[in-house]
Amino acid sequence: MTSAGSGHAAGRGQEGSRAHAVPREAADGPPPWVAACGTPVSVVQGAWNGRRGLGADDVCPDCRRLAPA
C-alpha cells in the first residue's frame, strides 16, 4: 500500500482527486484514514513524496505545509 522514503503516504478523498498526506502509522492500518490537514481519506496509495502525493496535479496546500517531503 505504501512505500519507504517518507513519513507520510499519499491519500485521496472519495470525491475529487486532491492529494493529501496521511501519516504512515495510520496509512499502514485499516480505514478510516485522516490526512494531516484533517480531511477524511478513502484511498491511500503511494508515498507522499511520490507522483501520487507531491507529484500530483492537485495537492492540498495544508498537507504540503504540514507534512515534510
N, C-alpha and C. Protein backbone atom coordinates (compact mmCIF):
# COMPACT_ATOMS: atom_id res chain seq x y z
N MET A 1 0.82 -1.19 0.00
CA MET A 1 0.00 0.00 0.00
C MET A 1 0.86 1.25 0.00
N THR A 2 1.88 1.29 0.83
CA THR A 2 2.74 2.45 0.91
C THR A 2 4.16 2.05 0.56
N SER A 3 5.03 3.02 0.39
CA SER A 3 6.42 2.70 0.11
C SER A 3 7.33 3.51 1.01
N ALA A 4 8.55 3.04 1.16
CA ALA A 4 9.51 3.68 2.06
C ALA A 4 9.95 5.02 1.52
N GLY A 5 10.52 5.85 2.39
CA GLY A 5 11.09 7.10 1.93
C GLY A 5 10.38 8.33 2.42
N SER A 6 9.30 8.19 3.14
CA SER A 6 8.58 9.35 3.63
C SER A 6 7.83 8.96 4.89
N GLY A 7 7.60 9.94 5.76
CA GLY A 7 6.82 9.69 6.96
C GLY A 7 5.33 9.74 6.69
N HIS A 8 4.96 9.98 5.43
CA HIS A 8 3.56 10.08 5.05
C HIS A 8 3.31 9.31 3.76
N ALA A 9 2.09 8.85 3.61
CA ALA A 9 1.63 8.21 2.38
C ALA A 9 0.71 9.20 1.65
N ALA A 10 0.47 8.93 0.39
CA ALA A 10 -0.43 9.77 -0.40
C ALA A 10 -1.84 9.22 -0.29
N GLY A 11 -2.80 10.10 -0.05
CA GLY A 11 -4.19 9.70 0.05
C GLY A 11 -5.08 10.62 -0.76
N ARG A 12 -6.28 10.14 -1.04
CA ARG A 12 -7.27 10.93 -1.77
C ARG A 12 -8.63 10.72 -1.12
N GLY A 13 -9.43 11.78 -1.17
CA GLY A 13 -10.79 11.68 -0.68
C GLY A 13 -11.65 10.92 -1.66
N GLN A 14 -12.82 10.50 -1.22
CA GLN A 14 -13.72 9.75 -2.09
C GLN A 14 -14.20 10.61 -3.25
N GLU A 15 -14.40 11.88 -2.98
CA GLU A 15 -14.81 12.81 -4.03
C GLU A 15 -13.64 13.72 -4.36
N GLY A 16 -13.28 13.81 -5.61
CA GLY A 16 -12.19 14.67 -6.02
C GLY A 16 -10.88 13.92 -6.15
N SER A 17 -9.89 14.63 -6.66
CA SER A 17 -8.59 14.00 -6.90
C SER A 17 -7.46 14.68 -6.14
N ARG A 18 -7.79 15.56 -5.20
CA ARG A 18 -6.76 16.27 -4.44
C ARG A 18 -5.94 15.29 -3.61
N ALA A 19 -4.61 15.41 -3.69
CA ALA A 19 -3.71 14.56 -2.93
C ALA A 19 -3.56 15.11 -1.51
N HIS A 20 -3.60 14.21 -0.54
CA HIS A 20 -3.43 14.55 0.87
C HIS A 20 -2.34 13.69 1.48
N ALA A 21 -1.69 14.19 2.52
CA ALA A 21 -0.66 13.43 3.24
C ALA A 21 -1.29 12.70 4.41
N VAL A 22 -1.12 11.38 4.45
CA VAL A 22 -1.63 10.56 5.54
C VAL A 22 -0.44 10.03 6.33
N PRO A 23 -0.39 10.27 7.64
CA PRO A 23 0.72 9.76 8.43
C PRO A 23 0.89 8.25 8.21
N ARG A 24 2.12 7.83 8.00
CA ARG A 24 2.41 6.43 7.67
C ARG A 24 1.84 5.45 8.69
N GLU A 25 1.92 5.78 9.99
CA GLU A 25 1.39 4.87 11.01
C GLU A 25 -0.09 4.58 10.78
N ALA A 26 -0.83 5.61 10.41
CA ALA A 26 -2.26 5.45 10.15
C ALA A 26 -2.49 4.75 8.81
N ALA A 27 -1.71 5.11 7.79
CA ALA A 27 -1.89 4.55 6.45
C ALA A 27 -1.65 3.05 6.41
N ASP A 28 -0.75 2.56 7.26
CA ASP A 28 -0.45 1.13 7.29
C ASP A 28 -1.51 0.33 8.03
N GLY A 29 -2.44 1.02 8.68
CA GLY A 29 -3.52 0.34 9.40
C GLY A 29 -4.81 0.37 8.59
N PRO A 30 -5.88 -0.13 9.18
CA PRO A 30 -7.17 -0.17 8.48
C PRO A 30 -7.83 1.21 8.44
N PRO A 31 -8.76 1.41 7.49
CA PRO A 31 -9.50 2.66 7.46
C PRO A 31 -10.37 2.77 8.70
N PRO A 32 -10.86 3.92 9.04
CA PRO A 32 -10.78 5.18 8.28
C PRO A 32 -9.42 5.85 8.46
N TRP A 33 -9.02 6.60 7.42
CA TRP A 33 -7.77 7.34 7.44
C TRP A 33 -8.09 8.83 7.45
N VAL A 34 -7.23 9.60 8.06
CA VAL A 34 -7.39 11.05 8.11
C VAL A 34 -6.07 11.69 7.73
N ALA A 35 -6.12 12.65 6.82
CA ALA A 35 -4.93 13.35 6.34
C ALA A 35 -4.38 14.29 7.41
N ALA A 36 -3.17 14.75 7.20
CA ALA A 36 -2.52 15.68 8.12
C ALA A 36 -3.36 16.94 8.33
N CYS A 37 -4.12 17.34 7.32
CA CYS A 37 -4.94 18.54 7.39
C CYS A 37 -6.29 18.29 8.06
N GLY A 38 -6.60 17.01 8.37
CA GLY A 38 -7.88 16.67 8.99
C GLY A 38 -8.94 16.17 8.03
N THR A 39 -8.64 16.12 6.74
CA THR A 39 -9.60 15.66 5.74
C THR A 39 -9.71 14.14 5.76
N PRO A 40 -10.94 13.58 5.78
CA PRO A 40 -11.09 12.13 5.67
C PRO A 40 -10.58 11.65 4.30
N VAL A 41 -9.90 10.53 4.28
CA VAL A 41 -9.31 9.98 3.07
C VAL A 41 -9.86 8.58 2.85
N SER A 42 -10.27 8.27 1.62
CA SER A 42 -10.86 6.96 1.35
C SER A 42 -9.90 6.02 0.62
N VAL A 43 -8.83 6.57 0.03
CA VAL A 43 -7.85 5.76 -0.70
C VAL A 43 -6.46 6.20 -0.28
N VAL A 44 -5.61 5.23 0.08
CA VAL A 44 -4.21 5.51 0.38
C VAL A 44 -3.39 4.68 -0.59
N GLN A 45 -2.53 5.36 -1.36
CA GLN A 45 -1.78 4.64 -2.38
C GLN A 45 -0.52 5.42 -2.74
N GLY A 46 0.63 4.88 -2.44
CA GLY A 46 1.89 5.50 -2.80
C GLY A 46 2.45 6.38 -1.70
N ALA A 47 3.63 6.90 -1.96
CA ALA A 47 4.33 7.75 -0.99
C ALA A 47 3.97 9.21 -1.20
N TRP A 48 3.93 9.96 -0.13
CA TRP A 48 3.63 11.39 -0.18
C TRP A 48 4.65 12.11 -1.06
N ASN A 49 5.90 11.69 -1.04
CA ASN A 49 6.92 12.36 -1.83
C ASN A 49 7.01 11.80 -3.25
N GLY A 50 6.02 11.02 -3.67
CA GLY A 50 6.00 10.42 -5.00
C GLY A 50 4.99 11.09 -5.92
N ARG A 51 4.73 10.43 -7.02
CA ARG A 51 3.86 11.01 -8.06
C ARG A 51 2.39 11.10 -7.66
N ARG A 52 1.96 10.30 -6.69
CA ARG A 52 0.56 10.36 -6.25
C ARG A 52 0.37 11.32 -5.09
N GLY A 53 1.48 11.84 -4.56
CA GLY A 53 1.43 12.82 -3.48
C GLY A 53 1.84 14.19 -3.99
N LEU A 54 3.05 14.60 -3.62
CA LEU A 54 3.54 15.92 -4.04
C LEU A 54 3.68 16.06 -5.55
N GLY A 55 3.77 14.95 -6.27
CA GLY A 55 3.88 14.99 -7.73
C GLY A 55 2.54 15.05 -8.44
N ALA A 56 1.44 15.05 -7.70
CA ALA A 56 0.10 15.07 -8.30
C ALA A 56 -0.23 16.48 -8.83
N ASP A 57 -1.21 16.54 -9.69
CA ASP A 57 -1.65 17.81 -10.27
C ASP A 57 -2.34 18.71 -9.24
N ASP A 58 -3.05 18.12 -8.29
CA ASP A 58 -3.80 18.88 -7.29
C ASP A 58 -3.38 18.41 -5.90
N VAL A 59 -2.57 19.20 -5.23
CA VAL A 59 -2.04 18.84 -3.91
C VAL A 59 -2.64 19.78 -2.86
N CYS A 60 -3.11 19.21 -1.77
CA CYS A 60 -3.67 20.00 -0.67
C CYS A 60 -2.60 20.96 -0.13
N PRO A 61 -2.87 22.25 -0.14
CA PRO A 61 -1.87 23.21 0.35
C PRO A 61 -1.58 23.06 1.84
N ASP A 62 -2.58 22.67 2.63
CA ASP A 62 -2.36 22.48 4.06
C ASP A 62 -1.47 21.26 4.31
N CYS A 63 -1.72 20.17 3.59
CA CYS A 63 -0.88 18.98 3.74
C CYS A 63 0.56 19.28 3.28
N ARG A 64 0.69 20.04 2.21
CA ARG A 64 2.03 20.41 1.70
C ARG A 64 2.79 21.16 2.79
N ARG A 65 2.10 22.03 3.52
CA ARG A 65 2.72 22.82 4.57
C ARG A 65 3.01 21.98 5.82
N LEU A 66 2.11 21.08 6.16
CA LEU A 66 2.21 20.31 7.40
C LEU A 66 3.09 19.07 7.33
N ALA A 67 3.18 18.45 6.15
CA ALA A 67 3.90 17.19 6.01
C ALA A 67 5.24 17.39 5.30
N PRO A 68 6.34 17.02 5.93
CA PRO A 68 7.63 17.13 5.26
C PRO A 68 7.71 16.16 4.09
N ALA A 69 8.45 16.53 3.09
CA ALA A 69 8.59 15.68 1.89
C ALA A 69 9.51 14.53 2.11
